[in-house]
Amino acid sequence: MDQALWTELRASGAALEKLRLFAALAEKWTRSINLISRATVADLWSRHIEDSARILTLAPPAPAIWADFGAGGGFPGLVVAVLLQDRGLRTRIVLVESDQRKATFLREAARQLGLPTVICAERAEAITPLGADVVSARALAPLNMLCEIMERHGTPDGMALFPKGETWQEEVDVARKNWFFDLEAACDPGHKGSAILKLRNLRRASRDALA
């Protein structure tokens, strides 16, 4: 366990116990609907729970609406929901997942964890813009496509948090051909070469500006 991370997040014992319950649920459901790669099940706590929790170190202290896309196994969405609830916040957490089986898991996990989370079993482009302070997505799509989601569902003064692997700089270079944004890339201590990308001030690039 990354004790320094949990200390920084000021997670209570009750929150950690909820996250252990969630980890057990995710492991159980993975046997039938493949929520996460089975190769990472043995490292579920570090690879999924702690990686998801680390996103909060870059987030605003009290977001009103947090929207997680491609929510899948609940990483990072349900982990974030547990930790924000632990702080006594009433952040509206919206998990968007088009796979009906995974959406069913998310509803059941939220119920067992006592989280007032909204589950949208739709594609991002099919739902009404959410006006989220924070937009997140993990292992969903290239950054260029994620910018489309951020533009539709974020707010002008909001942010997006996207964990990315070793090719993150290549994704940034491609996205900058179509978008302007302020970027902070926070190195992921758990994965060499990986980073959590924090985007602000997103705007679509005009052809004249790119010329």
Protein backbone atom coordinates (compact mmCIF):
# COMPACT_ATOMS: atom_id res chain seq x y z
CA MET A 1 0.00 0.00 0.00
CA ASP A 2 1.23 3.48 -0.89
CA GLN A 3 0.91 4.98 2.56
CA ALA A 4 2.16 8.39 1.42
CA LEU A 5 -0.67 8.62 -1.11
CA TRP A 6 -3.39 7.76 1.39
CA THR A 7 -1.92 10.20 3.90
CA GLU A 8 -1.91 12.97 1.29
CA LEU A 9 -5.55 12.20 0.47
CA ARG A 10 -6.43 12.03 4.18
CA ALA A 11 -8.46 8.91 3.57
CA SER A 12 -10.20 7.56 6.66
CA GLY A 13 -10.19 3.95 7.76
CA ALA A 14 -13.84 3.73 6.73
CA ALA A 15 -13.02 4.91 3.21
CA LEU A 16 -10.21 2.39 2.87
CA GLU A 17 -12.56 -0.35 4.02
CA LYS A 18 -15.08 0.68 1.35
CA LEU A 19 -12.34 0.57 -1.25
CA ARG A 20 -11.36 -2.94 -0.14
CA LEU A 21 -14.99 -3.99 -0.56
CA PHE A 22 -15.03 -2.39 -3.99
CA ALA A 23 -11.81 -4.19 -4.97
CA ALA A 24 -13.37 -7.51 -3.94
CA LEU A 25 -16.49 -6.75 -6.00
CA ALA A 26 -14.43 -5.83 -9.05
CA GLU A 27 -12.37 -9.00 -8.77
CA LYS A 28 -15.52 -11.13 -8.46
CA TRP A 29 -17.31 -9.55 -11.43
CA THR A 30 -14.17 -9.67 -13.59
CA ARG A 31 -14.49 -13.45 -13.69
CA SER A 32 -17.63 -13.09 -15.79
CA ILE A 33 -17.56 -9.73 -17.60
CA ASN A 34 -13.86 -8.83 -17.78
CA LEU A 35 -13.97 -5.46 -16.02
CA ILE A 36 -10.18 -5.29 -15.91
CA SER A 37 -7.38 -7.24 -17.51
CA ARG A 38 -7.04 -10.55 -15.70
CA ALA A 39 -3.28 -10.08 -15.81
CA THR A 40 -3.68 -7.16 -13.38
CA VAL A 41 -6.08 -8.80 -10.91
CA ALA A 42 -3.25 -9.79 -8.56
CA ASP A 43 -2.16 -6.14 -8.44
CA LEU A 44 -5.69 -4.71 -8.38
CA TRP A 45 -5.06 -2.48 -5.37
CA SER A 46 -1.97 -0.76 -6.77
CA ARG A 47 -2.82 -0.89 -10.48
CA HIS A 48 -6.44 0.20 -10.23
CA ILE A 49 -7.45 1.49 -6.77
CA GLU A 50 -4.32 3.54 -6.06
CA ASP A 51 -3.90 4.68 -9.66
CA SER A 52 -7.49 5.96 -9.55
CA ALA A 53 -7.04 7.63 -6.18
CA ARG A 54 -3.91 9.41 -7.40
CA ILE A 55 -6.04 11.44 -9.82
CA LEU A 56 -7.54 13.27 -6.84
CA THR A 57 -4.16 14.80 -6.00
CA LEU A 58 -4.59 16.95 -9.14
CA ALA A 59 -8.29 17.71 -8.78
CA PRO A 60 -9.96 20.81 -7.29
CA PRO A 61 -10.81 20.41 -3.59
CA ALA A 62 -14.60 20.49 -3.94
CA PRO A 63 -15.93 19.91 -7.47
CA ALA A 64 -19.68 20.25 -7.94
CA ILE A 65 -19.94 17.74 -10.80
CA TRP A 66 -17.42 15.05 -11.78
CA ALA A 67 -18.09 13.06 -14.95
CA ASP A 68 -16.13 9.89 -15.67
CA PHE A 69 -16.39 8.44 -19.18
CA GLY A 70 -15.87 4.83 -20.16
CA ALA A 71 -16.36 4.17 -16.47
CA GLY A 72 -16.13 0.41 -17.01
CA GLY A 73 -14.97 -1.19 -13.80
CA GLY A 74 -15.42 2.01 -11.79
CA PHE A 75 -11.84 3.21 -12.18
CA PRO A 76 -11.43 6.03 -11.41
CA GLY A 77 -15.09 7.05 -10.98
CA LEU A 78 -16.19 4.95 -8.02
CA VAL A 79 -12.84 5.35 -6.26
CA VAL A 80 -13.21 9.11 -6.59
CA ALA A 81 -16.80 8.89 -5.34
CA VAL A 82 -15.75 7.02 -2.19
CA LEU A 83 -12.99 9.49 -1.37
CA LEU A 84 -15.05 12.63 -2.03
CA GLN A 85 -17.88 11.24 0.09
CA ASP A 86 -15.30 10.58 2.80
CA ARG A 87 -14.52 14.32 2.80
CA GLY A 88 -18.17 15.13 3.40
CA LEU A 89 -18.64 16.57 -0.08
CA ARG A 90 -21.82 16.33 -2.12
CA THR A 91 -20.15 16.18 -5.49
CA ARG A 92 -22.47 14.81 -8.17
CA ILE A 93 -20.60 11.86 -9.67
CA VAL A 94 -21.78 10.79 -13.13
CA LEU A 95 -20.40 7.55 -14.58
CA VAL A 96 -20.91 7.13 -18.31
CA GLU A 97 -20.58 3.58 -19.62
CA SER A 98 -22.23 2.32 -22.81
CA ASP A 99 -21.64 -1.39 -22.08
CA GLN A 100 -24.85 -2.51 -20.37
CA ARG A 101 -23.15 -5.30 -18.40
CA LYS A 102 -20.55 -2.93 -16.99
CA ALA A 103 -23.24 -0.35 -16.24
CA THR A 104 -25.07 -3.03 -14.25
CA PHE A 105 -21.90 -3.66 -12.26
CA LEU A 106 -21.49 0.05 -11.58
CA ARG A 107 -25.05 0.31 -10.25
CA GLU A 108 -24.59 -2.70 -7.99
CA ALA A 109 -21.22 -1.52 -6.70
CA ALA A 110 -22.57 1.98 -6.02
CA ARG A 111 -25.51 0.45 -4.15
CA GLN A 112 -23.31 -1.75 -1.96
CA LEU A 113 -20.92 1.13 -1.26
CA GLY A 114 -23.74 3.53 -0.41
CA LEU A 115 -22.80 6.03 -3.11
CA PRO A 116 -25.41 8.37 -4.66
CA THR A 117 -23.78 7.98 -8.05
CA VAL A 118 -25.56 8.57 -11.36
CA ILE A 119 -24.98 5.85 -13.97
CA CYS A 120 -25.57 6.71 -17.64
CA ALA A 121 -25.62 3.60 -19.83
CA GLU A 122 -25.12 5.61 -23.01
CA ARG A 123 -22.35 6.82 -25.26
CA ALA A 124 -20.84 10.20 -24.41
CA GLU A 125 -22.16 11.85 -27.56
CA ALA A 126 -25.71 10.62 -26.90
CA ILE A 127 -26.31 12.33 -23.57
CA THR A 128 -27.11 15.93 -22.73
CA PRO A 129 -24.01 18.01 -21.92
CA LEU A 130 -23.22 17.52 -18.24
CA GLY A 131 -21.46 20.78 -17.37
CA ALA A 132 -18.86 18.97 -15.28
CA ASP A 133 -16.15 20.75 -13.32
CA VAL A 134 -13.97 17.68 -13.81
CA VAL A 135 -14.01 15.28 -16.76
CA SER A 136 -12.04 12.05 -16.45
CA ALA A 137 -11.44 8.94 -18.54
CA ARG A 138 -9.03 6.05 -18.13
CA ALA A 139 -8.02 3.78 -21.01
CA LEU A 140 -10.95 4.97 -23.13
CA ALA A 141 -9.66 6.72 -26.26
CA PRO A 142 -6.80 8.79 -27.72
CA LEU A 143 -6.45 12.30 -26.31
CA ASN A 144 -7.74 13.90 -29.51
CA MET A 145 -11.08 12.10 -29.03
CA LEU A 146 -11.12 12.81 -25.31
CA CYS A 147 -10.93 16.52 -26.11
CA GLU A 148 -14.24 16.14 -27.96
CA ILE A 149 -15.77 14.73 -24.78
CA MET A 150 -14.27 17.48 -22.65
CA GLU A 151 -15.59 20.16 -25.00
CA ARG A 152 -19.11 18.72 -24.89
CA HIS A 153 -19.38 17.84 -21.21
CA GLY A 154 -16.95 20.14 -19.40
CA THR A 155 -17.22 23.79 -18.39
CA PRO A 156 -15.09 26.69 -19.71
CA ASP A 157 -13.29 27.02 -16.38
CA GLY A 158 -13.20 23.29 -15.63
CA MET A 159 -10.52 20.69 -16.16
CA ALA A 160 -9.96 17.20 -17.45
CA LEU A 161 -7.82 14.46 -15.90
CA PHE A 162 -6.67 11.70 -18.22
CA PRO A 163 -4.20 8.99 -17.10
CA LYS A 164 -2.04 8.00 -20.06
CA GLY A 165 0.69 5.47 -20.79
CA GLU A 166 4.19 5.86 -22.19
CA THR A 167 2.98 7.28 -25.52
CA TRP A 168 1.22 10.23 -23.89
CA GLN A 169 3.45 12.83 -25.57
CA GLU A 170 2.58 11.43 -29.00
CA GLU A 171 -1.12 11.73 -28.15
CA VAL A 172 -0.60 15.33 -27.05
CA ASP A 173 1.18 16.17 -30.31
CA VAL A 174 -1.70 14.75 -32.35
CA ALA A 175 -4.35 16.51 -30.25
CA ARG A 176 -2.61 19.87 -30.59
CA LYS A 177 -3.25 19.73 -34.34
CA ASN A 178 -6.94 20.25 -33.58
CA TRP A 179 -7.09 21.79 -30.11
CA PHE A 180 -5.55 24.46 -27.94
CA PHE A 181 -5.24 23.65 -24.24
CA ASP A 182 -3.09 24.28 -21.21
CA LEU A 183 -1.39 21.08 -20.13
CA GLU A 184 0.18 19.82 -16.94
CA ALA A 185 1.64 16.32 -17.17
CA ALA A 186 2.13 14.78 -13.74
CA CYS A 187 4.44 11.77 -13.77
CA ASP A 188 2.87 8.62 -12.40
CA PRO A 189 5.26 7.26 -9.74
CA GLY A 190 3.75 3.81 -10.07
CA HIS A 191 4.39 3.45 -13.81
CA LYS A 192 7.59 4.57 -15.49
CA GLY A 193 6.92 6.83 -18.44
CA SER A 194 3.22 7.21 -17.69
CA ALA A 195 1.51 10.46 -16.72
CA ILE A 196 -1.77 11.96 -15.63
CA LEU A 197 -2.65 14.72 -18.08
CA LYS A 198 -4.40 17.74 -16.61
CA LEU A 199 -6.05 19.88 -19.28
CA ARG A 200 -7.52 23.36 -18.87
CA ASN A 201 -8.74 26.13 -21.15
CA LEU A 202 -9.67 23.81 -24.00
CA ARG A 203 -10.73 25.42 -27.25
CA ARG A 204 -11.00 24.10 -30.76
CA ALA A 205 -8.21 25.30 -33.04
CA SER A 206 -9.27 27.19 -36.15
CA ARG A 207 -7.63 26.45 -39.48
CA ASP A 208 -6.26 30.00 -39.62
CA ALA A 209 -4.65 29.62 -36.20
CA LEU A 210 -2.99 26.38 -37.23
CA ALA A 211 -1.70 27.75 -40.53
